[in-house]
Amino acid sequence: NADDFVTVHHELGHNYYQRAYNQQPLIYQN
């Protein structure tokens, strides 16, 4: 449905953010 189509884009935003900062020291991985 439309709601989950949008929600998926939102949740993947978290995942790509998480991967982008994973070279930072652990405390900065946020």
PDB file of all heavy atoms in Angstrom:
ATOM      1  N   ASN A   1       0.844  -1.189   0.000  1.00  0.00           N
ATOM      2  CA  ASN A   1       0.000   0.000   0.000  1.00  0.00           C
ATOM      3  C   ASN A   1       0.884   1.244   0.000  1.00  0.00           C
ATOM      4  O   ASN A   1       2.114   1.163   0.158  1.00  0.00           O
ATOM      5  CB  ASN A   1      -0.970   0.005   1.194  1.00  0.00           C
ATOM      6  CG  ASN A   1      -0.264  -0.039   2.536  1.00  0.00           C
ATOM      7  OD1 ASN A   1       0.794   0.556   2.718  1.00  0.00           O
ATOM      8  ND2 ASN A   1      -0.847  -0.758   3.490  1.00  0.00           N
ATOM      9  N   ALA A   2       0.262   2.387  -0.194  1.00  0.00           N
ATOM     10  CA  ALA A   2       1.002   3.637  -0.310  1.00  0.00           C
ATOM     11  C   ALA A   2       1.765   3.963   0.963  1.00  0.00           C
ATOM     12  O   ALA A   2       2.909   4.434   0.916  1.00  0.00           O
ATOM     13  CB  ALA A   2       0.039   4.776  -0.659  1.00  0.00           C
ATOM     14  N   ASP A   3       1.131   3.734   2.131  1.00  0.00           N
ATOM     15  CA  ASP A   3       1.788   4.056   3.394  1.00  0.00           C
ATOM     16  C   ASP A   3       3.100   3.305   3.537  1.00  0.00           C
ATOM     17  O   ASP A   3       4.135   3.879   3.901  1.00  0.00           O
ATOM     18  CB  ASP A   3       0.875   3.734   4.574  1.00  0.00           C
ATOM     19  CG  ASP A   3      -0.239   4.754   4.744  1.00  0.00           C
ATOM     20  OD1 ASP A   3      -0.165   5.829   4.124  1.00  0.00           O
ATOM     21  OD2 ASP A   3      -1.185   4.467   5.506  1.00  0.00           O
ATOM     22  N   ASP A   4       3.092   2.004   3.271  1.00  0.00           N
ATOM     23  CA  ASP A   4       4.308   1.221   3.457  1.00  0.00           C
ATOM     24  C   ASP A   4       5.330   1.500   2.365  1.00  0.00           C
ATOM     25  O   ASP A   4       6.539   1.356   2.591  1.00  0.00           O
ATOM     26  CB  ASP A   4       3.975  -0.270   3.532  1.00  0.00           C
ATOM     27  CG  ASP A   4       3.401  -0.664   4.890  1.00  0.00           C
ATOM     28  OD1 ASP A   4       3.239   0.234   5.738  1.00  0.00           O
ATOM     29  OD2 ASP A   4       3.118  -1.851   5.114  1.00  0.00           O
ATOM     30  N   PHE A   5       4.892   1.906   1.181  1.00  0.00           N
ATOM     31  CA  PHE A   5       5.815   2.329   0.135  1.00  0.00           C
ATOM     32  C   PHE A   5       6.645   3.518   0.626  1.00  0.00           C
ATOM     33  O   PHE A   5       7.870   3.548   0.467  1.00  0.00           O
ATOM     34  CB  PHE A   5       5.037   2.696  -1.128  1.00  0.00           C
ATOM     35  CG  PHE A   5       5.899   2.989  -2.324  1.00  0.00           C
ATOM     36  CD1 PHE A   5       6.395   1.963  -3.117  1.00  0.00           C
ATOM     37  CD2 PHE A   5       6.201   4.300  -2.678  1.00  0.00           C
ATOM     38  CE1 PHE A   5       7.181   2.226  -4.232  1.00  0.00           C
ATOM     39  CE2 PHE A   5       6.984   4.578  -3.795  1.00  0.00           C
ATOM     40  CZ  PHE A   5       7.476   3.534  -4.570  1.00  0.00           C
ATOM     41  N   VAL A   6       5.979   4.466   1.263  1.00  0.00           N
ATOM     42  CA  VAL A   6       6.675   5.636   1.808  1.00  0.00           C
ATOM     43  C   VAL A   6       7.518   5.232   3.018  1.00  0.00           C
ATOM     44  O   VAL A   6       8.666   5.677   3.176  1.00  0.00           O
ATOM     45  CB  VAL A   6       5.665   6.734   2.179  1.00  0.00           C
ATOM     46  CG1 VAL A   6       6.341   7.875   2.931  1.00  0.00           C
ATOM     47  CG2 VAL A   6       4.990   7.271   0.918  1.00  0.00           C
ATOM     48  N   THR A   7       6.969   4.386   3.898  1.00  0.00           N
ATOM     49  CA  THR A   7       7.699   3.965   5.092  1.00  0.00           C
ATOM     50  C   THR A   7       8.997   3.262   4.741  1.00  0.00           C
ATOM     51  O   THR A   7      10.024   3.452   5.406  1.00  0.00           O
ATOM     52  CB  THR A   7       6.820   3.048   5.963  1.00  0.00           C
ATOM     53  OG1 THR A   7       5.665   3.772   6.396  1.00  0.00           O
ATOM     54  CG2 THR A   7       7.578   2.549   7.184  1.00  0.00           C
ATOM     55  N   VAL A   8       8.982   2.432   3.709  1.00  0.00           N
ATOM     56  CA  VAL A   8      10.205   1.750   3.287  1.00  0.00           C
ATOM     57  C   VAL A   8      11.286   2.762   2.914  1.00  0.00           C
ATOM     58  O   VAL A   8      12.456   2.617   3.313  1.00  0.00           O
ATOM     59  CB  VAL A   8       9.916   0.795   2.113  1.00  0.00           C
ATOM     60  CG1 VAL A   8      11.203   0.438   1.367  1.00  0.00           C
ATOM     61  CG2 VAL A   8       9.237  -0.472   2.615  1.00  0.00           C
ATOM     62  N   HIS A   9      10.926   3.788   2.160  1.00  0.00           N
ATOM     63  CA  HIS A   9      11.912   4.814   1.807  1.00  0.00           C
ATOM     64  C   HIS A   9      12.466   5.465   3.079  1.00  0.00           C
ATOM     65  O   HIS A   9      13.670   5.761   3.166  1.00  0.00           O
ATOM     66  CB  HIS A   9      11.276   5.876   0.899  1.00  0.00           C
ATOM     67  CG  HIS A   9      11.049   5.414  -0.508  1.00  0.00           C
ATOM     68  ND1 HIS A   9      10.062   4.510  -0.837  1.00  0.00           N
ATOM     69  CD2 HIS A   9      11.679   5.720  -1.676  1.00  0.00           C
ATOM     70  CE1 HIS A   9      10.102   4.285  -2.155  1.00  0.00           C
ATOM     71  NE2 HIS A   9      11.064   5.018  -2.684  1.00  0.00           N
ATOM     72  N   HIS A  10      11.605   5.684   4.052  1.00  0.00           N
ATOM     73  CA  HIS A  10      12.038   6.282   5.316  1.00  0.00           C
ATOM     74  C   HIS A  10      13.018   5.360   6.044  1.00  0.00           C
ATOM     75  O   HIS A  10      14.091   5.795   6.491  1.00  0.00           O
ATOM     76  CB  HIS A  10      10.822   6.561   6.204  1.00  0.00           C
ATOM     77  CG  HIS A  10      11.171   6.966   7.596  1.00  0.00           C
ATOM     78  ND1 HIS A  10      11.313   8.282   7.976  1.00  0.00           N
ATOM     79  CD2 HIS A  10      11.421   6.234   8.713  1.00  0.00           C
ATOM     80  CE1 HIS A  10      11.642   8.335   9.254  1.00  0.00           C
ATOM     81  NE2 HIS A  10      11.704   7.107   9.724  1.00  0.00           N
ATOM     82  N   GLU A  11      12.657   4.093   6.211  1.00  0.00           N
ATOM     83  CA  GLU A  11      13.508   3.174   6.974  1.00  0.00           C
ATOM     84  C   GLU A  11      14.858   2.965   6.292  1.00  0.00           C
ATOM     85  O   GLU A  11      15.897   2.866   6.961  1.00  0.00           O
ATOM     86  CB  GLU A  11      12.800   1.832   7.186  1.00  0.00           C
ATOM     87  CG  GLU A  11      11.559   1.913   8.059  1.00  0.00           C
ATOM     88  CD  GLU A  11      11.822   2.484   9.442  1.00  0.00           C
ATOM     89  OE1 GLU A  11      12.950   2.337   9.957  1.00  0.00           O
ATOM     90  OE2 GLU A  11      10.897   3.097  10.019  1.00  0.00           O
ATOM     91  N   LEU A  12      14.863   2.885   4.976  1.00  0.00           N
ATOM     92  CA  LEU A  12      16.138   2.730   4.282  1.00  0.00           C
ATOM     93  C   LEU A  12      17.021   3.964   4.465  1.00  0.00           C
ATOM     94  O   LEU A  12      18.260   3.856   4.451  1.00  0.00           O
ATOM     95  CB  LEU A  12      15.908   2.456   2.798  1.00  0.00           C
ATOM     96  CG  LEU A  12      15.264   1.108   2.460  1.00  0.00           C
ATOM     97  CD1 LEU A  12      15.155   0.934   0.942  1.00  0.00           C
ATOM     98  CD2 LEU A  12      16.033  -0.052   3.074  1.00  0.00           C
ATOM     99  N   GLY A  13      16.406   5.119   4.650  1.00  0.00           N
ATOM    100  CA  GLY A  13      17.195   6.303   4.972  1.00  0.00           C
ATOM    101  C   GLY A  13      18.031   6.094   6.212  1.00  0.00           C
ATOM    102  O   GLY A  13      19.200   6.524   6.286  1.00  0.00           O
ATOM    103  N   HIS A  14      17.465   5.429   7.223  1.00  0.00           N
ATOM    104  CA  HIS A  14      18.240   5.091   8.422  1.00  0.00           C
ATOM    105  C   HIS A  14      19.419   4.187   8.061  1.00  0.00           C
ATOM    106  O   HIS A  14      20.546   4.394   8.516  1.00  0.00           O
ATOM    107  CB  HIS A  14      17.358   4.360   9.427  1.00  0.00           C
ATOM    108  CG  HIS A  14      16.357   5.216  10.129  1.00  0.00           C
ATOM    109  ND1 HIS A  14      16.709   6.284  10.927  1.00  0.00           N
ATOM    110  CD2 HIS A  14      14.996   5.147  10.191  1.00  0.00           C
ATOM    111  CE1 HIS A  14      15.615   6.833  11.439  1.00  0.00           C
ATOM    112  NE2 HIS A  14      14.572   6.168  10.998  1.00  0.00           N
ATOM    113  N   ASN A  15      19.148   3.150   7.281  1.00  0.00           N
ATOM    114  CA  ASN A  15      20.208   2.195   6.947  1.00  0.00           C
ATOM    115  C   ASN A  15      21.366   2.852   6.200  1.00  0.00           C
ATOM    116  O   ASN A  15      22.544   2.578   6.495  1.00  0.00           O
ATOM    117  CB  ASN A  15      19.656   1.047   6.099  1.00  0.00           C
ATOM    118  CG  ASN A  15      18.843   0.049   6.889  1.00  0.00           C
ATOM    119  OD1 ASN A  15      17.855  -0.492   6.387  1.00  0.00           O
ATOM    120  ND2 ASN A  15      19.230  -0.239   8.120  1.00  0.00           N
ATOM    121  N   TYR A  16      21.057   3.693   5.226  1.00  0.00           N
ATOM    122  CA  TYR A  16      22.131   4.347   4.485  1.00  0.00           C
ATOM    123  C   TYR A  16      22.885   5.352   5.354  1.00  0.00           C
ATOM    124  O   TYR A  16      24.102   5.539   5.185  1.00  0.00           O
ATOM    125  CB  TYR A  16      21.574   5.011   3.227  1.00  0.00           C
ATOM    126  CG  TYR A  16      21.285   4.013   2.127  1.00  0.00           C
ATOM    127  CD1 TYR A  16      20.018   3.459   1.971  1.00  0.00           C
ATOM    128  CD2 TYR A  16      22.290   3.601   1.258  1.00  0.00           C
ATOM    129  CE1 TYR A  16      19.755   2.523   0.978  1.00  0.00           C
ATOM    130  CE2 TYR A  16      22.042   2.669   0.259  1.00  0.00           C
ATOM    131  CZ  TYR A  16      20.765   2.135   0.126  1.00  0.00           C
ATOM    132  OH  TYR A  16      20.512   1.195  -0.852  1.00  0.00           O
ATOM    133  N   TYR A  17      22.194   5.988   6.281  1.00  0.00           N
ATOM    134  CA  TYR A  17      22.867   6.880   7.240  1.00  0.00           C
ATOM    135  C   TYR A  17      23.803   6.045   8.114  1.00  0.00           C
ATOM    136  O   TYR A  17      24.966   6.408   8.337  1.00  0.00           O
ATOM    137  CB  TYR A  17      21.815   7.588   8.088  1.00  0.00           C
ATOM    138  CG  TYR A  17      22.218   8.941   8.660  1.00  0.00           C
ATOM    139  CD1 TYR A  17      21.234   9.859   9.030  1.00  0.00           C
ATOM    140  CD2 TYR A  17      23.542   9.305   8.841  1.00  0.00           C
ATOM    141  CE1 TYR A  17      21.563  11.101   9.549  1.00  0.00           C
ATOM    142  CE2 TYR A  17      23.889  10.554   9.368  1.00  0.00           C
ATOM    143  CZ  TYR A  17      22.890  11.444   9.727  1.00  0.00           C
ATOM    144  OH  TYR A  17      23.225  12.671  10.244  1.00  0.00           O
ATOM    145  N   GLN A  18      23.313   4.914   8.619  1.00  0.00           N
ATOM    146  CA  GLN A  18      24.130   4.054   9.480  1.00  0.00           C
ATOM    147  C   GLN A  18      25.409   3.614   8.771  1.00  0.00           C
ATOM    148  O   GLN A  18      26.490   3.600   9.367  1.00  0.00           O
ATOM    149  CB  GLN A  18      23.311   2.829   9.904  1.00  0.00           C
ATOM    150  CG  GLN A  18      22.197   3.151  10.891  1.00  0.00           C
ATOM    151  CD  GLN A  18      21.128   2.065  10.959  1.00  0.00           C
ATOM    152  OE1 GLN A  18      21.003   1.237  10.058  1.00  0.00           O
ATOM    153  NE2 GLN A  18      20.347   2.065  12.034  1.00  0.00           N
ATOM    154  N   ARG A  19      25.280   3.250   7.507  1.00  0.00           N
ATOM    155  CA  ARG A  19      26.469   2.801   6.781  1.00  0.00           C
ATOM    156  C   ARG A  19      27.414   3.966   6.473  1.00  0.00           C
ATOM    157  O   ARG A  19      28.641   3.795   6.481  1.00  0.00           O
ATOM    158  CB  ARG A  19      26.072   2.086   5.492  1.00  0.00           C
ATOM    159  CG  ARG A  19      27.274   1.481   4.783  1.00  0.00           C
ATOM    160  CD  ARG A  19      26.890   0.433   3.778  1.00  0.00           C
ATOM    161  NE  ARG A  19      26.124   0.968   2.667  1.00  0.00           N
ATOM    162  CZ  ARG A  19      25.678   0.225   1.653  1.00  0.00           C
ATOM    163  NH1 ARG A  19      25.908  -1.080   1.640  1.00  0.00           N
ATOM    164  NH2 ARG A  19      24.994   0.778   0.679  1.00  0.00           N
ATOM    165  N   ALA A  20      26.860   5.157   6.238  1.00  0.00           N
ATOM    166  CA  ALA A  20      27.701   6.300   5.886  1.00  0.00           C
ATOM    167  C   ALA A  20      28.648   6.678   7.020  1.00  0.00           C
ATOM    168  O   ALA A  20      29.795   7.081   6.779  1.00  0.00           O
ATOM    169  CB  ALA A  20      26.827   7.499   5.506  1.00  0.00           C
ATOM    170  N   TYR A  21      28.186   6.575   8.270  1.00  0.00           N
ATOM    171  CA  TYR A  21      29.040   7.019   9.383  1.00  0.00           C
ATOM    172  C   TYR A  21      29.789   5.881  10.070  1.00  0.00           C
ATOM    173  O   TYR A  21      30.403   6.075  11.118  1.00  0.00           O
ATOM    174  CB  TYR A  21      28.260   7.847  10.400  1.00  0.00           C
ATOM    175  CG  TYR A  21      27.047   7.232  11.055  1.00  0.00           C
ATOM    176  CD1 TYR A  21      27.079   6.002  11.709  1.00  0.00           C
ATOM    177  CD2 TYR A  21      25.831   7.930  11.066  1.00  0.00           C
ATOM    178  CE1 TYR A  21      25.965   5.474  12.342  1.00  0.00           C
ATOM    179  CE2 TYR A  21      24.709   7.407  11.690  1.00  0.00           C
ATOM    180  CZ  TYR A  21      24.779   6.189  12.331  1.00  0.00           C
ATOM    181  OH  TYR A  21      23.665   5.670  12.961  1.00  0.00           O
ATOM    182  N   ASN A  22      29.792   4.697   9.506  1.00  0.00           N
ATOM    183  CA  ASN A  22      30.418   3.592  10.232  1.00  0.00           C
ATOM    184  C   ASN A  22      31.937   3.611  10.235  1.00  0.00           C
ATOM    185  O   ASN A  22      32.567   2.750  10.849  1.00  0.00           O
ATOM    186  CB  ASN A  22      29.895   2.229   9.739  1.00  0.00           C
ATOM    187  CG  ASN A  22      30.368   1.870   8.337  1.00  0.00           C
ATOM    188  OD1 ASN A  22      31.215   2.538   7.755  1.00  0.00           O
ATOM    189  ND2 ASN A  22      29.801   0.806   7.783  1.00  0.00           N
ATOM    190  N   GLN A  23      32.545   4.607   9.558  1.00  0.00           N
ATOM    191  CA  GLN A  23      33.995   4.776   9.656  1.00  0.00           C
ATOM    192  C   GLN A  23      34.387   5.722  10.789  1.00  0.00           C
ATOM    193  O   GLN A  23      35.576   5.884  11.084  1.00  0.00           O
ATOM    194  CB  GLN A  23      34.548   5.317   8.326  1.00  0.00           C
ATOM    195  CG  GLN A  23      34.327   4.390   7.138  1.00  0.00           C
ATOM    196  CD  GLN A  23      34.936   3.015   7.360  1.00  0.00           C
ATOM    197  OE1 GLN A  23      36.108   2.881   7.714  1.00  0.00           O
ATOM    198  NE2 GLN A  23      34.124   1.985   7.157  1.00  0.00           N
ATOM    199  N   GLN A  24      33.402   6.337  11.422  1.00  0.00           N
ATOM    200  CA  GLN A  24      33.668   7.220  12.548  1.00  0.00           C
ATOM    201  C   GLN A  24      33.990   6.383  13.798  1.00  0.00           C
ATOM    202  O   GLN A  24      33.624   5.205  13.886  1.00  0.00           O
ATOM    203  CB  GLN A  24      32.443   8.096  12.841  1.00  0.00           C
ATOM    204  CG  GLN A  24      32.132   9.141  11.797  1.00  0.00           C
ATOM    205  CD  GLN A  24      33.062  10.344  11.875  1.00  0.00           C
ATOM    206  OE1 GLN A  24      33.883  10.475  12.794  1.00  0.00           O
ATOM    207  NE2 GLN A  24      32.938  11.232  10.892  1.00  0.00           N
ATOM    208  N   PRO A  25      34.668   6.989  14.803  1.00  0.00           N
ATOM    209  CA  PRO A  25      34.796   6.308  16.089  1.00  0.00           C
ATOM    210  C   PRO A  25      33.416   5.907  16.607  1.00  0.00           C
ATOM    211  O   PRO A  25      32.407   6.575  16.324  1.00  0.00           O
ATOM    212  CB  PRO A  25      35.442   7.368  16.986  1.00  0.00           C
ATOM    213  CG  PRO A  25      36.163   8.277  16.038  1.00  0.00           C
ATOM    214  CD  PRO A  25      35.323   8.311  14.795  1.00  0.00           C
ATOM    215  N   LEU A  26      33.346   4.841  17.355  1.00  0.00           N
ATOM    216  CA  LEU A  26      32.069   4.264  17.748  1.00  0.00           C
ATOM    217  C   LEU A  26      31.125   5.281  18.368  1.00  0.00           C
ATOM    218  O   LEU A  26      29.927   5.292  18.078  1.00  0.00           O
ATOM    219  CB  LEU A  26      32.318   3.109  18.728  1.00  0.00           C
ATOM    220  CG  LEU A  26      31.085   2.320  19.165  1.00  0.00           C
ATOM    221  CD1 LEU A  26      30.448   1.617  17.974  1.00  0.00           C
ATOM    222  CD2 LEU A  26      31.457   1.300  20.244  1.00  0.00           C
ATOM    223  N   ILE A  27      31.648   6.149  19.215  1.00  0.00           N
ATOM    224  CA  ILE A  27      30.785   7.108  19.915  1.00  0.00           C
ATOM    225  C   ILE A  27      30.168   8.114  18.944  1.00  0.00           C
ATOM    226  O   ILE A  27      29.090   8.648  19.193  1.00  0.00           O
ATOM    227  CB  ILE A  27      31.567   7.814  21.037  1.00  0.00           C
ATOM    228  CG1 ILE A  27      31.952   6.789  22.114  1.00  0.00           C
ATOM    229  CG2 ILE A  27      30.757   8.941  21.671  1.00  0.00           C
ATOM    230  CD1 ILE A  27      32.848   7.342  23.207  1.00  0.00           C
ATOM    231  N   TYR A  28      30.823   8.338  17.804  1.00  0.00           N
ATOM    232  CA  TYR A  28      30.293   9.260  16.804  1.00  0.00           C
ATOM    233  C   TYR A  28      29.383   8.564  15.791  1.00  0.00           C
ATOM    234  O   TYR A  28      28.906   9.210  14.850  1.00  0.00           O
ATOM    235  CB  TYR A  28      31.438   9.920  16.035  1.00  0.00           C
ATOM    236  CG  TYR A  28      32.196  10.991  16.778  1.00  0.00           C
ATOM    237  CD1 TYR A  28      33.497  11.327  16.390  1.00  0.00           C
ATOM    238  CD2 TYR A  28      31.626  11.691  17.837  1.00  0.00           C
ATOM    239  CE1 TYR A  28      34.209  12.321  17.043  1.00  0.00           C
ATOM    240  CE2 TYR A  28      32.325  12.685  18.499  1.00  0.00           C
ATOM    241  CZ  TYR A  28      33.625  13.001  18.099  1.00  0.00           C
ATOM    242  OH  TYR A  28      34.314  13.993  18.745  1.00  0.00           O
ATOM    243  N   GLN A  29      29.152   7.287  15.951  1.00  0.00           N
ATOM    244  CA  GLN A  29      28.327   6.563  14.974  1.00  0.00           C
ATOM    245  C   GLN A  29      26.849   6.789  15.276  1.00  0.00           C
ATOM    246  O   GLN A  29      26.134   5.917  15.761  1.00  0.00           O
ATOM    247  CB  GLN A  29      28.693   5.079  14.965  1.00  0.00           C
ATOM    248  CG  GLN A  29      30.075   4.837  14.369  1.00  0.00           C
ATOM    249  CD  GLN A  29      30.443   3.381  14.266  1.00  0.00           C
ATOM    250  OE1 GLN A  29      29.580   2.510  14.323  1.00  0.00           O
ATOM    251  NE2 GLN A  29      31.732   3.102  14.136  1.00  0.00           N
ATOM    252  N   ASN A  30      26.426   7.993  14.984  1.00  0.00           N
ATOM    253  CA  ASN A  30      25.039   8.407  15.179  1.00  0.00           C
ATOM    254  C   ASN A  30      24.802   9.631  14.309  1.00  0.00           C
ATOM    255  O   ASN A  30      25.734  10.194  13.744  1.00  0.00           O
ATOM    256  CB  ASN A  30      24.778   8.733  16.656  1.00  0.00           C
ATOM    257  CG  ASN A  30      23.306   8.759  16.986  1.00  0.00           C
ATOM    258  OD1 ASN A  30      22.506   8.124  16.315  1.00  0.00           O
ATOM    259  ND2 ASN A  30      22.953   9.505  17.997  1.00  0.00           N
TER     260      ASN A  30
END
